[in-house]
Amino acid sequence: MNNHDDLQRLLKKEYLLGPDYKKKNQIGIQFFSGNKVSAFYELWGEKEIFRLLIMRPSTNLFTSKFVGKNHLLIMLIVEDDQMVGGFISLQESFLDQLTLVFPNLADRSLKELEELWANFVKEHYSNLSGEDAE
């Protein structure tokens, strides 16, 4: 082991809450880290595990369209820590938004991710502060 690995292990113990952070019958939030500005969730569904990164953009952010207030940047961490995702509107159907942001995910996976959001993440994320991890 080198010092970098030791440091990462210490930081993981300090900042990554879990396992079994908020689960019901083995489904739900396995691990959590962060706050309302940026949050990481490892979500365990019935069939899949999702590693989700949520970031809140500034309220006046405009890219090719307005993605500020009432939007989130949702990213799935996939193989080799690569990320895929995009901005979603909280004022539209979450499942429809996931379909647009993750066009390569199977319908079954999209529905499972939407259920995990509705049953575990949405309330948890909305109750986070903007500064400290819960």
N, C-alpha and C. Protein backbone atom coordinates (compact mmCIF):
# COMPACT_ATOMS: atom_id res chain seq x y z
N MET A 1 0.84 -1.18 0.00
CA MET A 1 0.00 0.00 0.00
C MET A 1 0.88 1.24 0.00
N ASN A 2 0.41 2.25 -0.69
CA ASN A 2 1.14 3.50 -0.66
C ASN A 2 0.34 4.55 0.10
N ASN A 3 0.94 5.70 0.28
CA ASN A 3 0.29 6.76 1.06
C ASN A 3 -1.01 7.24 0.41
N HIS A 4 -1.05 7.27 -0.91
CA HIS A 4 -2.26 7.70 -1.60
C HIS A 4 -3.43 6.76 -1.28
N ASP A 5 -3.20 5.46 -1.34
CA ASP A 5 -4.25 4.49 -1.03
C ASP A 5 -4.70 4.61 0.42
N ASP A 6 -3.75 4.80 1.32
CA ASP A 6 -4.09 4.97 2.74
C ASP A 6 -4.94 6.23 2.95
N LEU A 7 -4.56 7.31 2.29
CA LEU A 7 -5.31 8.55 2.41
C LEU A 7 -6.73 8.37 1.87
N GLN A 8 -6.87 7.71 0.73
CA GLN A 8 -8.19 7.49 0.15
C GLN A 8 -9.07 6.65 1.08
N ARG A 9 -8.49 5.66 1.72
CA ARG A 9 -9.24 4.83 2.67
C ARG A 9 -9.73 5.68 3.85
N LEU A 10 -8.89 6.55 4.36
CA LEU A 10 -9.28 7.43 5.47
C LEU A 10 -10.38 8.40 5.04
N LEU A 11 -10.23 8.97 3.87
CA LEU A 11 -11.25 9.91 3.38
C LEU A 11 -12.58 9.20 3.13
N LYS A 12 -12.52 7.97 2.65
CA LYS A 12 -13.74 7.20 2.42
C LYS A 12 -14.48 6.98 3.74
N LYS A 13 -13.75 6.61 4.80
CA LYS A 13 -14.37 6.39 6.11
C LYS A 13 -15.00 7.68 6.63
N GLU A 14 -14.37 8.82 6.33
CA GLU A 14 -14.84 10.11 6.83
C GLU A 14 -16.07 10.63 6.07
N TYR A 15 -16.07 10.49 4.76
CA TYR A 15 -17.06 11.18 3.95
C TYR A 15 -18.10 10.31 3.26
N LEU A 16 -17.88 9.01 3.15
CA LEU A 16 -18.84 8.14 2.47
C LEU A 16 -19.68 7.42 3.52
N LEU A 17 -20.93 7.81 3.61
CA LEU A 17 -21.83 7.25 4.62
C LEU A 17 -22.46 5.97 4.09
N GLY A 18 -22.41 4.92 4.87
CA GLY A 18 -22.94 3.62 4.45
C GLY A 18 -22.05 2.55 5.03
N PRO A 19 -22.23 1.31 4.74
CA PRO A 19 -23.25 0.76 3.85
C PRO A 19 -24.63 0.76 4.50
N ASP A 20 -25.62 0.41 3.70
CA ASP A 20 -27.02 0.38 4.14
C ASP A 20 -27.45 1.72 4.72
N TYR A 21 -27.12 2.78 4.01
CA TYR A 21 -27.41 4.13 4.51
C TYR A 21 -28.90 4.36 4.70
N LYS A 22 -29.69 4.09 3.67
CA LYS A 22 -31.15 4.27 3.78
C LYS A 22 -31.79 3.27 2.83
N LYS A 23 -32.05 2.07 3.35
CA LYS A 23 -32.57 1.01 2.50
C LYS A 23 -33.79 0.37 3.14
N LYS A 24 -34.58 -0.24 2.27
CA LYS A 24 -35.76 -0.98 2.71
C LYS A 24 -35.75 -2.28 1.92
N ASN A 25 -35.64 -3.40 2.62
CA ASN A 25 -35.59 -4.72 1.98
C ASN A 25 -34.48 -4.80 0.93
N GLN A 26 -33.31 -4.35 1.28
CA GLN A 26 -32.12 -4.39 0.42
C GLN A 26 -32.20 -3.49 -0.81
N ILE A 27 -33.19 -2.60 -0.88
CA ILE A 27 -33.32 -1.66 -1.99
C ILE A 27 -33.25 -0.25 -1.43
N GLY A 28 -32.48 0.61 -2.10
CA GLY A 28 -32.40 2.00 -1.67
C GLY A 28 -31.00 2.55 -1.74
N ILE A 29 -30.69 3.44 -0.81
CA ILE A 29 -29.39 4.11 -0.79
C ILE A 29 -28.40 3.26 0.00
N GLN A 30 -27.42 2.73 -0.69
CA GLN A 30 -26.37 1.94 -0.04
C GLN A 30 -25.30 2.86 0.54
N PHE A 31 -24.84 3.83 -0.26
CA PHE A 31 -23.84 4.80 0.18
C PHE A 31 -24.27 6.19 -0.23
N PHE A 32 -23.85 7.19 0.56
CA PHE A 32 -24.14 8.60 0.27
C PHE A 32 -22.95 9.45 0.68
N SER A 33 -22.72 10.51 -0.08
CA SER A 33 -21.71 11.50 0.28
C SER A 33 -22.10 12.83 -0.35
N GLY A 34 -21.87 13.92 0.35
CA GLY A 34 -22.05 15.23 -0.25
C GLY A 34 -23.08 16.10 0.43
N ASN A 35 -23.60 17.05 -0.35
CA ASN A 35 -24.60 18.00 0.11
C ASN A 35 -25.46 18.40 -1.08
N LYS A 36 -26.28 19.43 -0.92
CA LYS A 36 -27.20 19.81 -1.99
C LYS A 36 -26.48 20.36 -3.22
N VAL A 37 -25.29 20.89 -3.06
CA VAL A 37 -24.54 21.41 -4.20
C VAL A 37 -24.04 20.26 -5.07
N SER A 38 -23.52 19.22 -4.45
CA SER A 38 -23.08 18.02 -5.18
C SER A 38 -23.21 16.82 -4.25
N ALA A 39 -23.91 15.82 -4.74
CA ALA A 39 -24.18 14.63 -3.92
C ALA A 39 -23.92 13.37 -4.73
N PHE A 40 -23.38 12.37 -4.05
CA PHE A 40 -23.15 11.06 -4.65
C PHE A 40 -24.06 10.05 -3.96
N TYR A 41 -24.72 9.22 -4.76
CA TYR A 41 -25.55 8.14 -4.24
C TYR A 41 -25.17 6.84 -4.93
N GLU A 42 -24.96 5.79 -4.13
CA GLU A 42 -24.91 4.45 -4.70
C GLU A 42 -26.25 3.83 -4.37
N LEU A 43 -27.02 3.57 -5.41
CA LEU A 43 -28.39 3.09 -5.26
C LEU A 43 -28.49 1.63 -5.64
N TRP A 44 -29.10 0.84 -4.78
CA TRP A 44 -29.29 -0.58 -5.05
C TRP A 44 -30.75 -0.80 -5.39
N GLY A 45 -30.99 -1.23 -6.62
CA GLY A 45 -32.33 -1.60 -7.04
C GLY A 45 -32.50 -3.10 -6.97
N GLU A 46 -33.61 -3.58 -7.47
CA GLU A 46 -33.84 -5.03 -7.49
C GLU A 46 -32.90 -5.74 -8.44
N LYS A 47 -32.60 -5.10 -9.56
CA LYS A 47 -31.79 -5.74 -10.61
C LYS A 47 -30.44 -5.08 -10.83
N GLU A 48 -30.28 -3.81 -10.48
CA GLU A 48 -29.06 -3.08 -10.82
C GLU A 48 -28.59 -2.20 -9.67
N ILE A 49 -27.33 -1.82 -9.78
CA ILE A 49 -26.73 -0.84 -8.88
C ILE A 49 -26.39 0.38 -9.72
N PHE A 50 -26.82 1.55 -9.24
CA PHE A 50 -26.56 2.80 -9.94
C PHE A 50 -25.66 3.67 -9.07
N ARG A 51 -24.63 4.23 -9.68
CA ARG A 51 -23.77 5.21 -9.00
C ARG A 51 -24.11 6.57 -9.60
N LEU A 52 -24.80 7.39 -8.82
CA LEU A 52 -25.40 8.63 -9.31
C LEU A 52 -24.74 9.84 -8.68
N LEU A 53 -24.40 10.81 -9.52
CA LEU A 53 -23.85 12.09 -9.06
C LEU A 53 -24.86 13.17 -9.42
N ILE A 54 -25.27 13.96 -8.44
CA ILE A 54 -26.24 15.03 -8.65
C ILE A 54 -25.55 16.35 -8.31
N MET A 55 -25.66 17.30 -9.23
CA MET A 55 -25.08 18.62 -9.00
C MET A 55 -26.16 19.66 -9.25
N ARG A 56 -26.19 20.66 -8.41
CA ARG A 56 -27.16 21.74 -8.56
C ARG A 56 -26.48 22.90 -9.28
N PRO A 57 -26.99 23.28 -10.45
CA PRO A 57 -26.39 24.42 -11.16
C PRO A 57 -26.79 25.74 -10.51
N SER A 58 -26.08 26.80 -10.84
CA SER A 58 -26.47 28.12 -10.35
C SER A 58 -27.86 28.46 -10.89
N THR A 59 -28.58 29.31 -10.20
CA THR A 59 -29.97 29.58 -10.56
C THR A 59 -30.11 30.34 -11.87
N ASN A 60 -29.03 30.90 -12.39
CA ASN A 60 -29.12 31.67 -13.64
C ASN A 60 -28.27 31.06 -14.75
N LEU A 61 -28.05 29.75 -14.72
CA LEU A 61 -27.19 29.09 -15.70
C LEU A 61 -27.91 28.91 -17.04
N PHE A 62 -27.22 29.33 -18.09
CA PHE A 62 -27.73 29.15 -19.45
C PHE A 62 -26.61 28.51 -20.27
N THR A 63 -26.89 27.36 -20.90
CA THR A 63 -25.92 26.73 -21.81
C THR A 63 -26.49 26.93 -23.21
N SER A 64 -26.95 25.91 -23.87
CA SER A 64 -27.68 26.09 -25.13
C SER A 64 -29.15 26.38 -24.84
N LYS A 65 -29.54 26.22 -23.58
CA LYS A 65 -30.88 26.56 -23.10
C LYS A 65 -30.76 26.87 -21.61
N PHE A 66 -31.83 27.40 -21.02
CA PHE A 66 -31.81 27.72 -19.59
C PHE A 66 -31.84 26.43 -18.78
N VAL A 67 -30.85 26.25 -17.93
CA VAL A 67 -30.77 25.06 -17.07
C VAL A 67 -30.46 25.47 -15.62
N GLY A 68 -30.95 26.62 -15.22
CA GLY A 68 -30.69 27.12 -13.88
C GLY A 68 -31.73 26.63 -12.89
N LYS A 69 -32.51 27.56 -12.37
CA LYS A 69 -33.51 27.25 -11.35
C LYS A 69 -34.38 26.07 -11.78
N ASN A 70 -34.65 25.18 -10.84
CA ASN A 70 -35.48 23.98 -11.04
C ASN A 70 -34.86 22.95 -11.97
N HIS A 71 -33.55 22.94 -12.07
CA HIS A 71 -32.83 21.93 -12.85
C HIS A 71 -31.76 21.28 -11.99
N LEU A 72 -31.38 20.08 -12.35
CA LEU A 72 -30.26 19.37 -11.74
C LEU A 72 -29.41 18.78 -12.85
N LEU A 73 -28.12 18.66 -12.58
CA LEU A 73 -27.23 17.92 -13.47
C LEU A 73 -27.12 16.52 -12.87
N ILE A 74 -27.60 15.53 -13.60
CA ILE A 74 -27.61 14.14 -13.13
C ILE A 74 -26.62 13.35 -13.99
N MET A 75 -25.68 12.69 -13.32
CA MET A 75 -24.68 11.90 -14.02
C MET A 75 -24.65 10.49 -13.43
N LEU A 76 -24.57 9.50 -14.30
CA LEU A 76 -24.32 8.12 -13.86
C LEU A 76 -22.84 7.85 -14.03
N ILE A 77 -22.23 7.30 -13.00
CA ILE A 77 -20.83 6.91 -13.07
C ILE A 77 -20.81 5.47 -13.56
N VAL A 78 -20.18 5.26 -14.71
CA VAL A 78 -20.17 3.95 -15.35
C VAL A 78 -18.75 3.39 -15.31
N GLU A 79 -18.45 2.44 -16.17
CA GLU A 79 -17.15 1.77 -16.18
C GLU A 79 -15.99 2.76 -16.17
N ASP A 80 -14.94 2.40 -15.46
CA ASP A 80 -13.72 3.21 -15.38
C ASP A 80 -13.98 4.63 -14.91
N ASP A 81 -14.99 4.83 -14.08
CA ASP A 81 -15.36 6.13 -13.54
C ASP A 81 -15.68 7.17 -14.60
N GLN A 82 -16.13 6.73 -15.77
CA GLN A 82 -16.62 7.64 -16.80
C GLN A 82 -18.04 8.06 -16.42
N MET A 83 -18.45 9.26 -16.87
CA MET A 83 -19.77 9.76 -16.52
C MET A 83 -20.59 10.04 -17.77
N VAL A 84 -21.87 9.73 -17.67
CA VAL A 84 -22.84 10.05 -18.71
C VAL A 84 -24.03 10.71 -18.04
N GLY A 85 -24.66 11.63 -18.74
CA GLY A 85 -25.82 12.28 -18.16
C GLY A 85 -26.08 13.64 -18.75
N GLY A 86 -26.82 14.44 -18.02
CA GLY A 86 -27.15 15.78 -18.48
C GLY A 86 -28.10 16.46 -17.51
N PHE A 87 -28.60 17.61 -17.95
CA PHE A 87 -29.50 18.41 -17.13
C PHE A 87 -30.92 17.87 -17.22
N ILE A 88 -31.61 17.89 -16.07
CA ILE A 88 -33.02 17.53 -16.04
C ILE A 88 -33.81 18.66 -15.39
N SER A 89 -35.04 18.80 -15.81
CA SER A 89 -35.94 19.78 -15.21
C SER A 89 -36.76 19.09 -14.13
N LEU A 90 -36.85 19.73 -12.98
CA LEU A 90 -37.65 19.17 -11.89
C LEU A 90 -39.14 19.44 -12.08
N GLN A 91 -39.48 20.21 -13.12
CA GLN A 91 -40.88 20.55 -13.36
C GLN A 91 -41.53 19.65 -14.41
N GLU A 92 -40.78 18.68 -14.92
CA GLU A 92 -41.32 17.77 -15.92
C GLU A 92 -41.22 16.34 -15.39
N SER A 93 -41.83 15.42 -16.08
CA SER A 93 -41.81 14.02 -15.68
C SER A 93 -40.37 13.53 -15.53
N PHE A 94 -40.07 12.99 -14.35
CA PHE A 94 -38.70 12.54 -14.10
C PHE A 94 -38.32 11.39 -15.03
N LEU A 95 -39.23 10.47 -15.27
CA LEU A 95 -38.94 9.35 -16.16
C LEU A 95 -38.68 9.85 -17.59
N ASP A 96 -39.47 10.81 -18.05
CA ASP A 96 -39.23 11.38 -19.39
C ASP A 96 -37.87 12.05 -19.45
N GLN A 97 -37.51 12.76 -18.39
CA GLN A 97 -36.21 13.43 -18.34
C GLN A 97 -35.07 12.42 -18.36
N LEU A 98 -35.22 11.33 -17.59
CA LEU A 98 -34.19 10.29 -17.58
C LEU A 98 -34.03 9.67 -18.97
N THR A 99 -35.14 9.48 -19.66
CA THR A 99 -35.10 8.90 -21.01
C THR A 99 -34.30 9.79 -21.95
N LEU A 100 -34.45 11.10 -21.82
CA LEU A 100 -33.69 12.04 -22.66
C LEU A 100 -32.21 12.07 -22.30
N VAL A 101 -31.92 12.02 -21.01
CA VAL A 101 -30.54 12.15 -20.53
C VAL A 101 -29.75 10.86 -20.71
N PHE A 102 -30.43 9.72 -20.56
CA PHE A 102 -29.76 8.42 -20.67
C PHE A 102 -30.40 7.59 -21.79
N PRO A 103 -30.22 7.99 -23.05
CA PRO A 103 -30.88 7.30 -24.16
C PRO A 103 -30.41 5.85 -24.35
N ASN A 104 -29.25 5.50 -23.82
CA ASN A 104 -28.73 4.15 -24.00
C ASN A 104 -29.14 3.18 -22.90
N LEU A 105 -29.83 3.67 -21.88
CA LEU A 105 -30.30 2.77 -20.81
C LEU A 105 -31.57 2.06 -21.25
N ALA A 106 -31.67 0.80 -20.90
CA ALA A 106 -32.88 0.02 -21.20
C ALA A 106 -34.06 0.59 -20.42
N ASP A 107 -35.26 0.41 -20.96
CA ASP A 107 -36.47 0.90 -20.29
C ASP A 107 -36.57 0.39 -18.86
N ARG A 108 -36.23 -0.88 -18.66
CA ARG A 108 -36.28 -1.49 -17.32
C ARG A 108 -35.35 -0.73 -16.37
N SER A 109 -34.16 -0.38 -16.83
CA SER A 109 -33.19 0.35 -16.00
C SER A 109 -33.69 1.75 -15.69
N LEU A 110 -34.26 2.42 -16.69
CA LEU A 110 -34.79 3.76 -16.49
C LEU A 110 -35.91 3.75 -15.45
N LYS A 111 -36.80 2.77 -15.54
CA LYS A 111 -37.90 2.68 -14.58
C LYS A 111 -37.40 2.37 -13.18
N GLU A 112 -36.39 1.52 -13.08
CA GLU A 112 -35.83 1.20 -11.76
C GLU A 112 -35.16 2.43 -11.16
N LEU A 113 -34.42 3.18 -11.96
CA LEU A 113 -33.78 4.40 -11.48
C LEU A 113 -34.82 5.42 -11.06
N GLU A 114 -35.90 5.54 -11.82
CA GLU A 114 -36.97 6.48 -11.47
C GLU A 114 -37.63 6.07 -10.15
N GLU A 115 -37.83 4.78 -9.93
CA GLU A 115 -38.42 4.30 -8.67
C GLU A 115 -37.49 4.58 -7.49
N LEU A 116 -36.20 4.37 -7.68
CA LEU A 116 -35.24 4.67 -6.61
C LEU A 116 -35.25 6.16 -6.29
N TRP A 117 -35.33 6.99 -7.33
CA TRP A 117 -35.41 8.44 -7.12
C TRP A 117 -36.66 8.78 -6.31
N ALA A 118 -37.81 8.27 -6.75
CA ALA A 118 -39.08 8.61 -6.11
C ALA A 118 -39.16 8.10 -4.67
N ASN A 119 -38.65 6.90 -4.41
CA ASN A 119 -38.82 6.28 -3.09
C ASN A 119 -37.72 6.61 -2.09
N PHE A 120 -36.55 7.04 -2.56
CA PHE A 120 -35.44 7.25 -1.64
C PHE A 120 -34.71 8.58 -1.84
N VAL A 121 -34.30 8.86 -3.05
CA VAL A 121 -33.39 9.98 -3.29
C VAL A 121 -34.08 11.34 -3.24
N LYS A 122 -35.23 11.47 -3.84
CA LYS A 122 -35.89 12.78 -3.96
C LYS A 122 -36.06 13.46 -2.60
N GLU A 123 -36.64 12.77 -1.66
CA GLU A 123 -36.84 13.36 -0.33
C GLU A 123 -35.51 13.59 0.38
N HIS A 124 -34.62 12.60 0.31
CA HIS A 124 -33.33 12.74 0.96
C HIS A 124 -32.58 13.94 0.41
N TYR A 125 -32.51 14.06 -0.91
CA TYR A 125 -31.78 15.16 -1.53
C TYR A 125 -32.41 16.51 -1.19
N SER A 126 -33.73 16.59 -1.19
CA SER A 126 -34.40 17.87 -0.91
C SER A 126 -34.17 18.32 0.53
N ASN A 127 -33.87 17.40 1.43
CA ASN A 127 -33.63 17.74 2.83
C ASN A 127 -32.17 18.05 3.14
N LEU A 128 -31.29 17.93 2.15
CA LEU A 128 -29.87 18.22 2.39
C LEU A 128 -29.65 19.72 2.52
N SER A 129 -28.62 20.07 3.27
CA SER A 129 -28.21 21.47 3.33
C SER A 129 -27.29 21.75 2.16
N GLY A 130 -26.99 23.01 1.94
CA GLY A 130 -26.11 23.38 0.85
C GLY A 130 -24.65 23.28 1.21
N GLU A 131 -24.31 23.00 2.47
CA GLU A 131 -22.91 23.05 2.88
C GLU A 131 -22.36 21.75 3.43
N ASP A 132 -23.07 21.12 4.32
CA ASP A 132 -22.51 19.96 5.03
C ASP A 132 -23.19 18.68 4.60
N ALA A 133 -22.46 17.58 4.66
CA ALA A 133 -23.06 16.27 4.43
C ALA A 133 -23.99 15.96 5.59
N GLU A 134 -25.04 15.22 5.30
CA GLU A 134 -26.00 14.85 6.34
C GLU A 134 -25.39 13.88 7.31
